[in-house]
Amino acid sequence: MHEYSVAYQIYETLKHVIEERGDVKKVKKVILEIGELTLINPEQLEFCFSAITSEDEIMKDSELEIEMKKAVVECEKCGKVENLTPGIFICLKCGSPLKISGGRDLVIKSVDVEV
């Protein structure tokens, strides 16, 4: 299950940061920014994250907020940037090929903690 391994990586990253800080008593909320091209199902990710953190006293019951980010393409010639439109592979302005320039990332945008 793809979402489980992603949720586990998020958990491991947070655990590492918490250990480095040393003063975190509780993680209240984690905000993620996920590109639509990651093909991650937000509901499944939330479920997996909840299951993984359920035994961790510091992260147990933390809220996972997910912000989905649109895929973005850029024209290789004129530099026009726009949201990806399925079936459109060339720039409507100049006719040059488009390249994907956004929407493949997963970023931990912020973490709300109690110290």
C-alpha atoms as a PDB file:
ATOM      1  CA  MET A   1       0.000   0.000   0.000  1.00  0.00           C
ATOM      2  CA  HIS A   2       1.616   3.228  -1.243  1.00  0.00           C
ATOM      3  CA  GLU A   3      -0.164   5.470   1.286  1.00  0.00           C
ATOM      4  CA  TYR A   4       1.085   3.396   4.234  1.00  0.00           C
ATOM      5  CA  SER A   5       4.745   3.806   3.248  1.00  0.00           C
ATOM      6  CA  VAL A   6       4.240   7.557   2.692  1.00  0.00           C
ATOM      7  CA  ALA A   7       2.503   7.904   6.075  1.00  0.00           C
ATOM      8  CA  TYR A   8       5.330   5.988   7.725  1.00  0.00           C
ATOM      9  CA  GLN A   9       7.956   8.275   6.136  1.00  0.00           C
ATOM     10  CA  ILE A  10       6.059  11.325   7.410  1.00  0.00           C
ATOM     11  CA  TYR A  11       5.937   9.753  10.877  1.00  0.00           C
ATOM     12  CA  GLU A  12       9.674   8.991  10.815  1.00  0.00           C
ATOM     13  CA  THR A  13      10.505  12.538   9.679  1.00  0.00           C
ATOM     14  CA  LEU A  14       8.375  14.057  12.445  1.00  0.00           C
ATOM     15  CA  LYS A  15       9.848  11.696  15.032  1.00  0.00           C
ATOM     16  CA  HIS A  16      13.371  12.752  14.015  1.00  0.00           C
ATOM     17  CA  VAL A  17      12.520  16.461  14.295  1.00  0.00           C
ATOM     18  CA  ILE A  18      10.813  15.925  17.676  1.00  0.00           C
ATOM     19  CA  GLU A  19      13.850  14.073  19.022  1.00  0.00           C
ATOM     20  CA  GLU A  20      16.187  16.839  17.793  1.00  0.00           C
ATOM     21  CA  ARG A  21      14.110  19.539  19.504  1.00  0.00           C
ATOM     22  CA  GLY A  22      13.760  17.600  22.726  1.00  0.00           C
ATOM     23  CA  ASP A  23      10.994  19.814  24.168  1.00  0.00           C
ATOM     24  CA  VAL A  24       7.883  18.624  22.281  1.00  0.00           C
ATOM     25  CA  LYS A  25       5.165  17.181  24.504  1.00  0.00           C
ATOM     26  CA  LYS A  26       2.422  16.792  21.898  1.00  0.00           C
ATOM     27  CA  VAL A  27       1.957  17.117  18.143  1.00  0.00           C
ATOM     28  CA  LYS A  28      -1.418  18.758  17.617  1.00  0.00           C
ATOM     29  CA  LYS A  29      -1.600  19.242  13.861  1.00  0.00           C
ATOM     30  CA  VAL A  30       0.444  18.432  10.771  1.00  0.00           C
ATOM     31  CA  ILE A  31      -0.249  20.273   7.514  1.00  0.00           C
ATOM     32  CA  LEU A  32       0.862  18.591   4.295  1.00  0.00           C
ATOM     33  CA  GLU A  33       0.943  19.978   0.779  1.00  0.00           C
ATOM     34  CA  ILE A  34       0.535  17.176  -1.750  1.00  0.00           C
ATOM     35  CA  GLY A  35       0.773  17.498  -5.524  1.00  0.00           C
ATOM     36  CA  GLU A  36      -1.982  15.784  -7.468  1.00  0.00           C
ATOM     37  CA  LEU A  37       0.555  13.871  -9.568  1.00  0.00           C
ATOM     38  CA  THR A  38       1.764  11.931  -6.511  1.00  0.00           C
ATOM     39  CA  LEU A  39      -1.421   9.864  -6.910  1.00  0.00           C
ATOM     40  CA  ILE A  40      -1.812   9.743  -3.119  1.00  0.00           C
ATOM     41  CA  ASN A  41      -5.342   9.217  -1.825  1.00  0.00           C
ATOM     42  CA  PRO A  42      -5.754  11.761   1.017  1.00  0.00           C
ATOM     43  CA  GLU A  43      -8.331   9.691   2.932  1.00  0.00           C
ATOM     44  CA  GLN A  44      -6.142   6.589   2.863  1.00  0.00           C
ATOM     45  CA  LEU A  45      -3.100   8.625   3.910  1.00  0.00           C
ATOM     46  CA  GLU A  46      -5.019  10.080   6.870  1.00  0.00           C
ATOM     47  CA  PHE A  47      -6.166   6.596   7.909  1.00  0.00           C
ATOM     48  CA  CYS A  48      -2.640   5.150   7.682  1.00  0.00           C
ATOM     49  CA  PHE A  49      -1.093   8.096   9.546  1.00  0.00           C
ATOM     50  CA  SER A  50      -3.664   7.733  12.319  1.00  0.00           C
ATOM     51  CA  ALA A  51      -2.959   3.998  12.608  1.00  0.00           C
ATOM     52  CA  ILE A  52       0.823   4.513  12.698  1.00  0.00           C
ATOM     53  CA  THR A  53       0.709   7.296  15.299  1.00  0.00           C
ATOM     54  CA  SER A  54      -1.927   5.660  17.539  1.00  0.00           C
ATOM     55  CA  GLU A  55       0.745   4.051  19.752  1.00  0.00           C
ATOM     56  CA  ASP A  56       2.987   7.120  19.951  1.00  0.00           C
ATOM     57  CA  GLU A  57       2.082   9.252  22.995  1.00  0.00           C
ATOM     58  CA  ILE A  58       3.452  12.454  21.456  1.00  0.00           C
ATOM     59  CA  MET A  59       1.759  12.076  18.045  1.00  0.00           C
ATOM     60  CA  LYS A  60      -1.366  10.155  19.073  1.00  0.00           C
ATOM     61  CA  ASP A  61      -4.600  11.973  18.090  1.00  0.00           C
ATOM     62  CA  SER A  62      -2.733  14.578  16.024  1.00  0.00           C
ATOM     63  CA  GLU A  63      -4.733  16.076  13.174  1.00  0.00           C
ATOM     64  CA  LEU A  64      -3.456  15.596   9.639  1.00  0.00           C
ATOM     65  CA  GLU A  65      -4.545  18.385   7.290  1.00  0.00           C
ATOM     66  CA  ILE A  66      -3.915  17.858   3.595  1.00  0.00           C
ATOM     67  CA  GLU A  67      -3.802  20.613   0.998  1.00  0.00           C
ATOM     68  CA  MET A  68      -3.881  19.268  -2.548  1.00  0.00           C
ATOM     69  CA  LYS A  69      -1.832  21.205  -5.083  1.00  0.00           C
ATOM     70  CA  LYS A  70      -2.642  21.271  -8.797  1.00  0.00           C
ATOM     71  CA  ALA A  71      -0.203  19.978 -11.375  1.00  0.00           C
ATOM     72  CA  VAL A  72       1.542  22.804 -13.218  1.00  0.00           C
ATOM     73  CA  VAL A  73       3.147  22.802 -16.667  1.00  0.00           C
ATOM     74  CA  GLU A  74       5.567  25.236 -18.255  1.00  0.00           C
ATOM     75  CA  CYS A  75       6.269  25.916 -21.911  1.00  0.00           C
ATOM     76  CA  GLU A  76       9.840  25.064 -22.853  1.00  0.00           C
ATOM     77  CA  LYS A  77       9.998  27.961 -25.323  1.00  0.00           C
ATOM     78  CA  CYS A  78       7.957  30.936 -24.120  1.00  0.00           C
ATOM     79  CA  GLY A  79       7.912  30.055 -20.408  1.00  0.00           C
ATOM     80  CA  LYS A  80       4.131  30.292 -19.994  1.00  0.00           C
ATOM     81  CA  VAL A  81       3.069  28.551 -16.752  1.00  0.00           C
ATOM     82  CA  GLU A  82      -0.414  27.127 -16.216  1.00  0.00           C
ATOM     83  CA  ASN A  83      -2.314  24.310 -14.558  1.00  0.00           C
ATOM     84  CA  LEU A  84      -2.061  20.950 -16.311  1.00  0.00           C
ATOM     85  CA  THR A  85      -4.989  20.257 -18.624  1.00  0.00           C
ATOM     86  CA  PRO A  86      -5.426  16.557 -19.491  1.00  0.00           C
ATOM     87  CA  GLY A  87      -4.786  15.911 -23.177  1.00  0.00           C
ATOM     88  CA  ILE A  88      -2.942  19.196 -23.803  1.00  0.00           C
ATOM     89  CA  PHE A  89       0.749  18.532 -24.472  1.00  0.00           C
ATOM     90  CA  ILE A  90       1.701  21.705 -26.317  1.00  0.00           C
ATOM     91  CA  CYS A  91       1.595  25.370 -25.376  1.00  0.00           C
ATOM     92  CA  LEU A  92      -1.604  27.006 -26.583  1.00  0.00           C
ATOM     93  CA  LYS A  93       0.289  30.296 -26.899  1.00  0.00           C
ATOM     94  CA  CYS A  94       3.261  29.239 -29.076  1.00  0.00           C
ATOM     95  CA  GLY A  95       2.813  25.534 -29.896  1.00  0.00           C
ATOM     96  CA  SER A  96       5.976  24.316 -28.140  1.00  0.00           C
ATOM     97  CA  PRO A  97       6.123  21.243 -25.865  1.00  0.00           C
ATOM     98  CA  LEU A  98       5.075  21.561 -22.220  1.00  0.00           C
ATOM     99  CA  LYS A  99       7.030  20.163 -19.285  1.00  0.00           C
ATOM    100  CA  ILE A 100       5.686  19.363 -15.831  1.00  0.00           C
ATOM    101  CA  SER A 101       7.030  21.885 -13.336  1.00  0.00           C
ATOM    102  CA  GLY A 102       4.862  21.239 -10.285  1.00  0.00           C
ATOM    103  CA  GLY A 103       2.441  18.843  -8.654  1.00  0.00           C
ATOM    104  CA  ARG A 104       4.776  15.934  -7.883  1.00  0.00           C
ATOM    105  CA  ASP A 105       5.805  17.005  -4.383  1.00  0.00           C
ATOM    106  CA  LEU A 106       4.808  16.087  -0.874  1.00  0.00           C
ATOM    107  CA  VAL A 107       5.836  18.733   1.660  1.00  0.00           C
ATOM    108  CA  ILE A 108       5.366  18.910   5.401  1.00  0.00           C
ATOM    109  CA  LYS A 109       4.229  22.524   5.365  1.00  0.00           C
ATOM    110  CA  SER A 110       3.873  23.036   9.125  1.00  0.00           C
ATOM    111  CA  VAL A 111       3.615  21.219  12.433  1.00  0.00           C
ATOM    112  CA  ASP A 112       1.697  22.617  15.407  1.00  0.00           C
ATOM    113  CA  VAL A 113       3.203  21.316  18.648  1.00  0.00           C
ATOM    114  CA  GLU A 114       2.827  21.761  22.381  1.00  0.00           C
ATOM    115  CA  VAL A 115       6.089  22.307  24.266  1.00  0.00           C
END
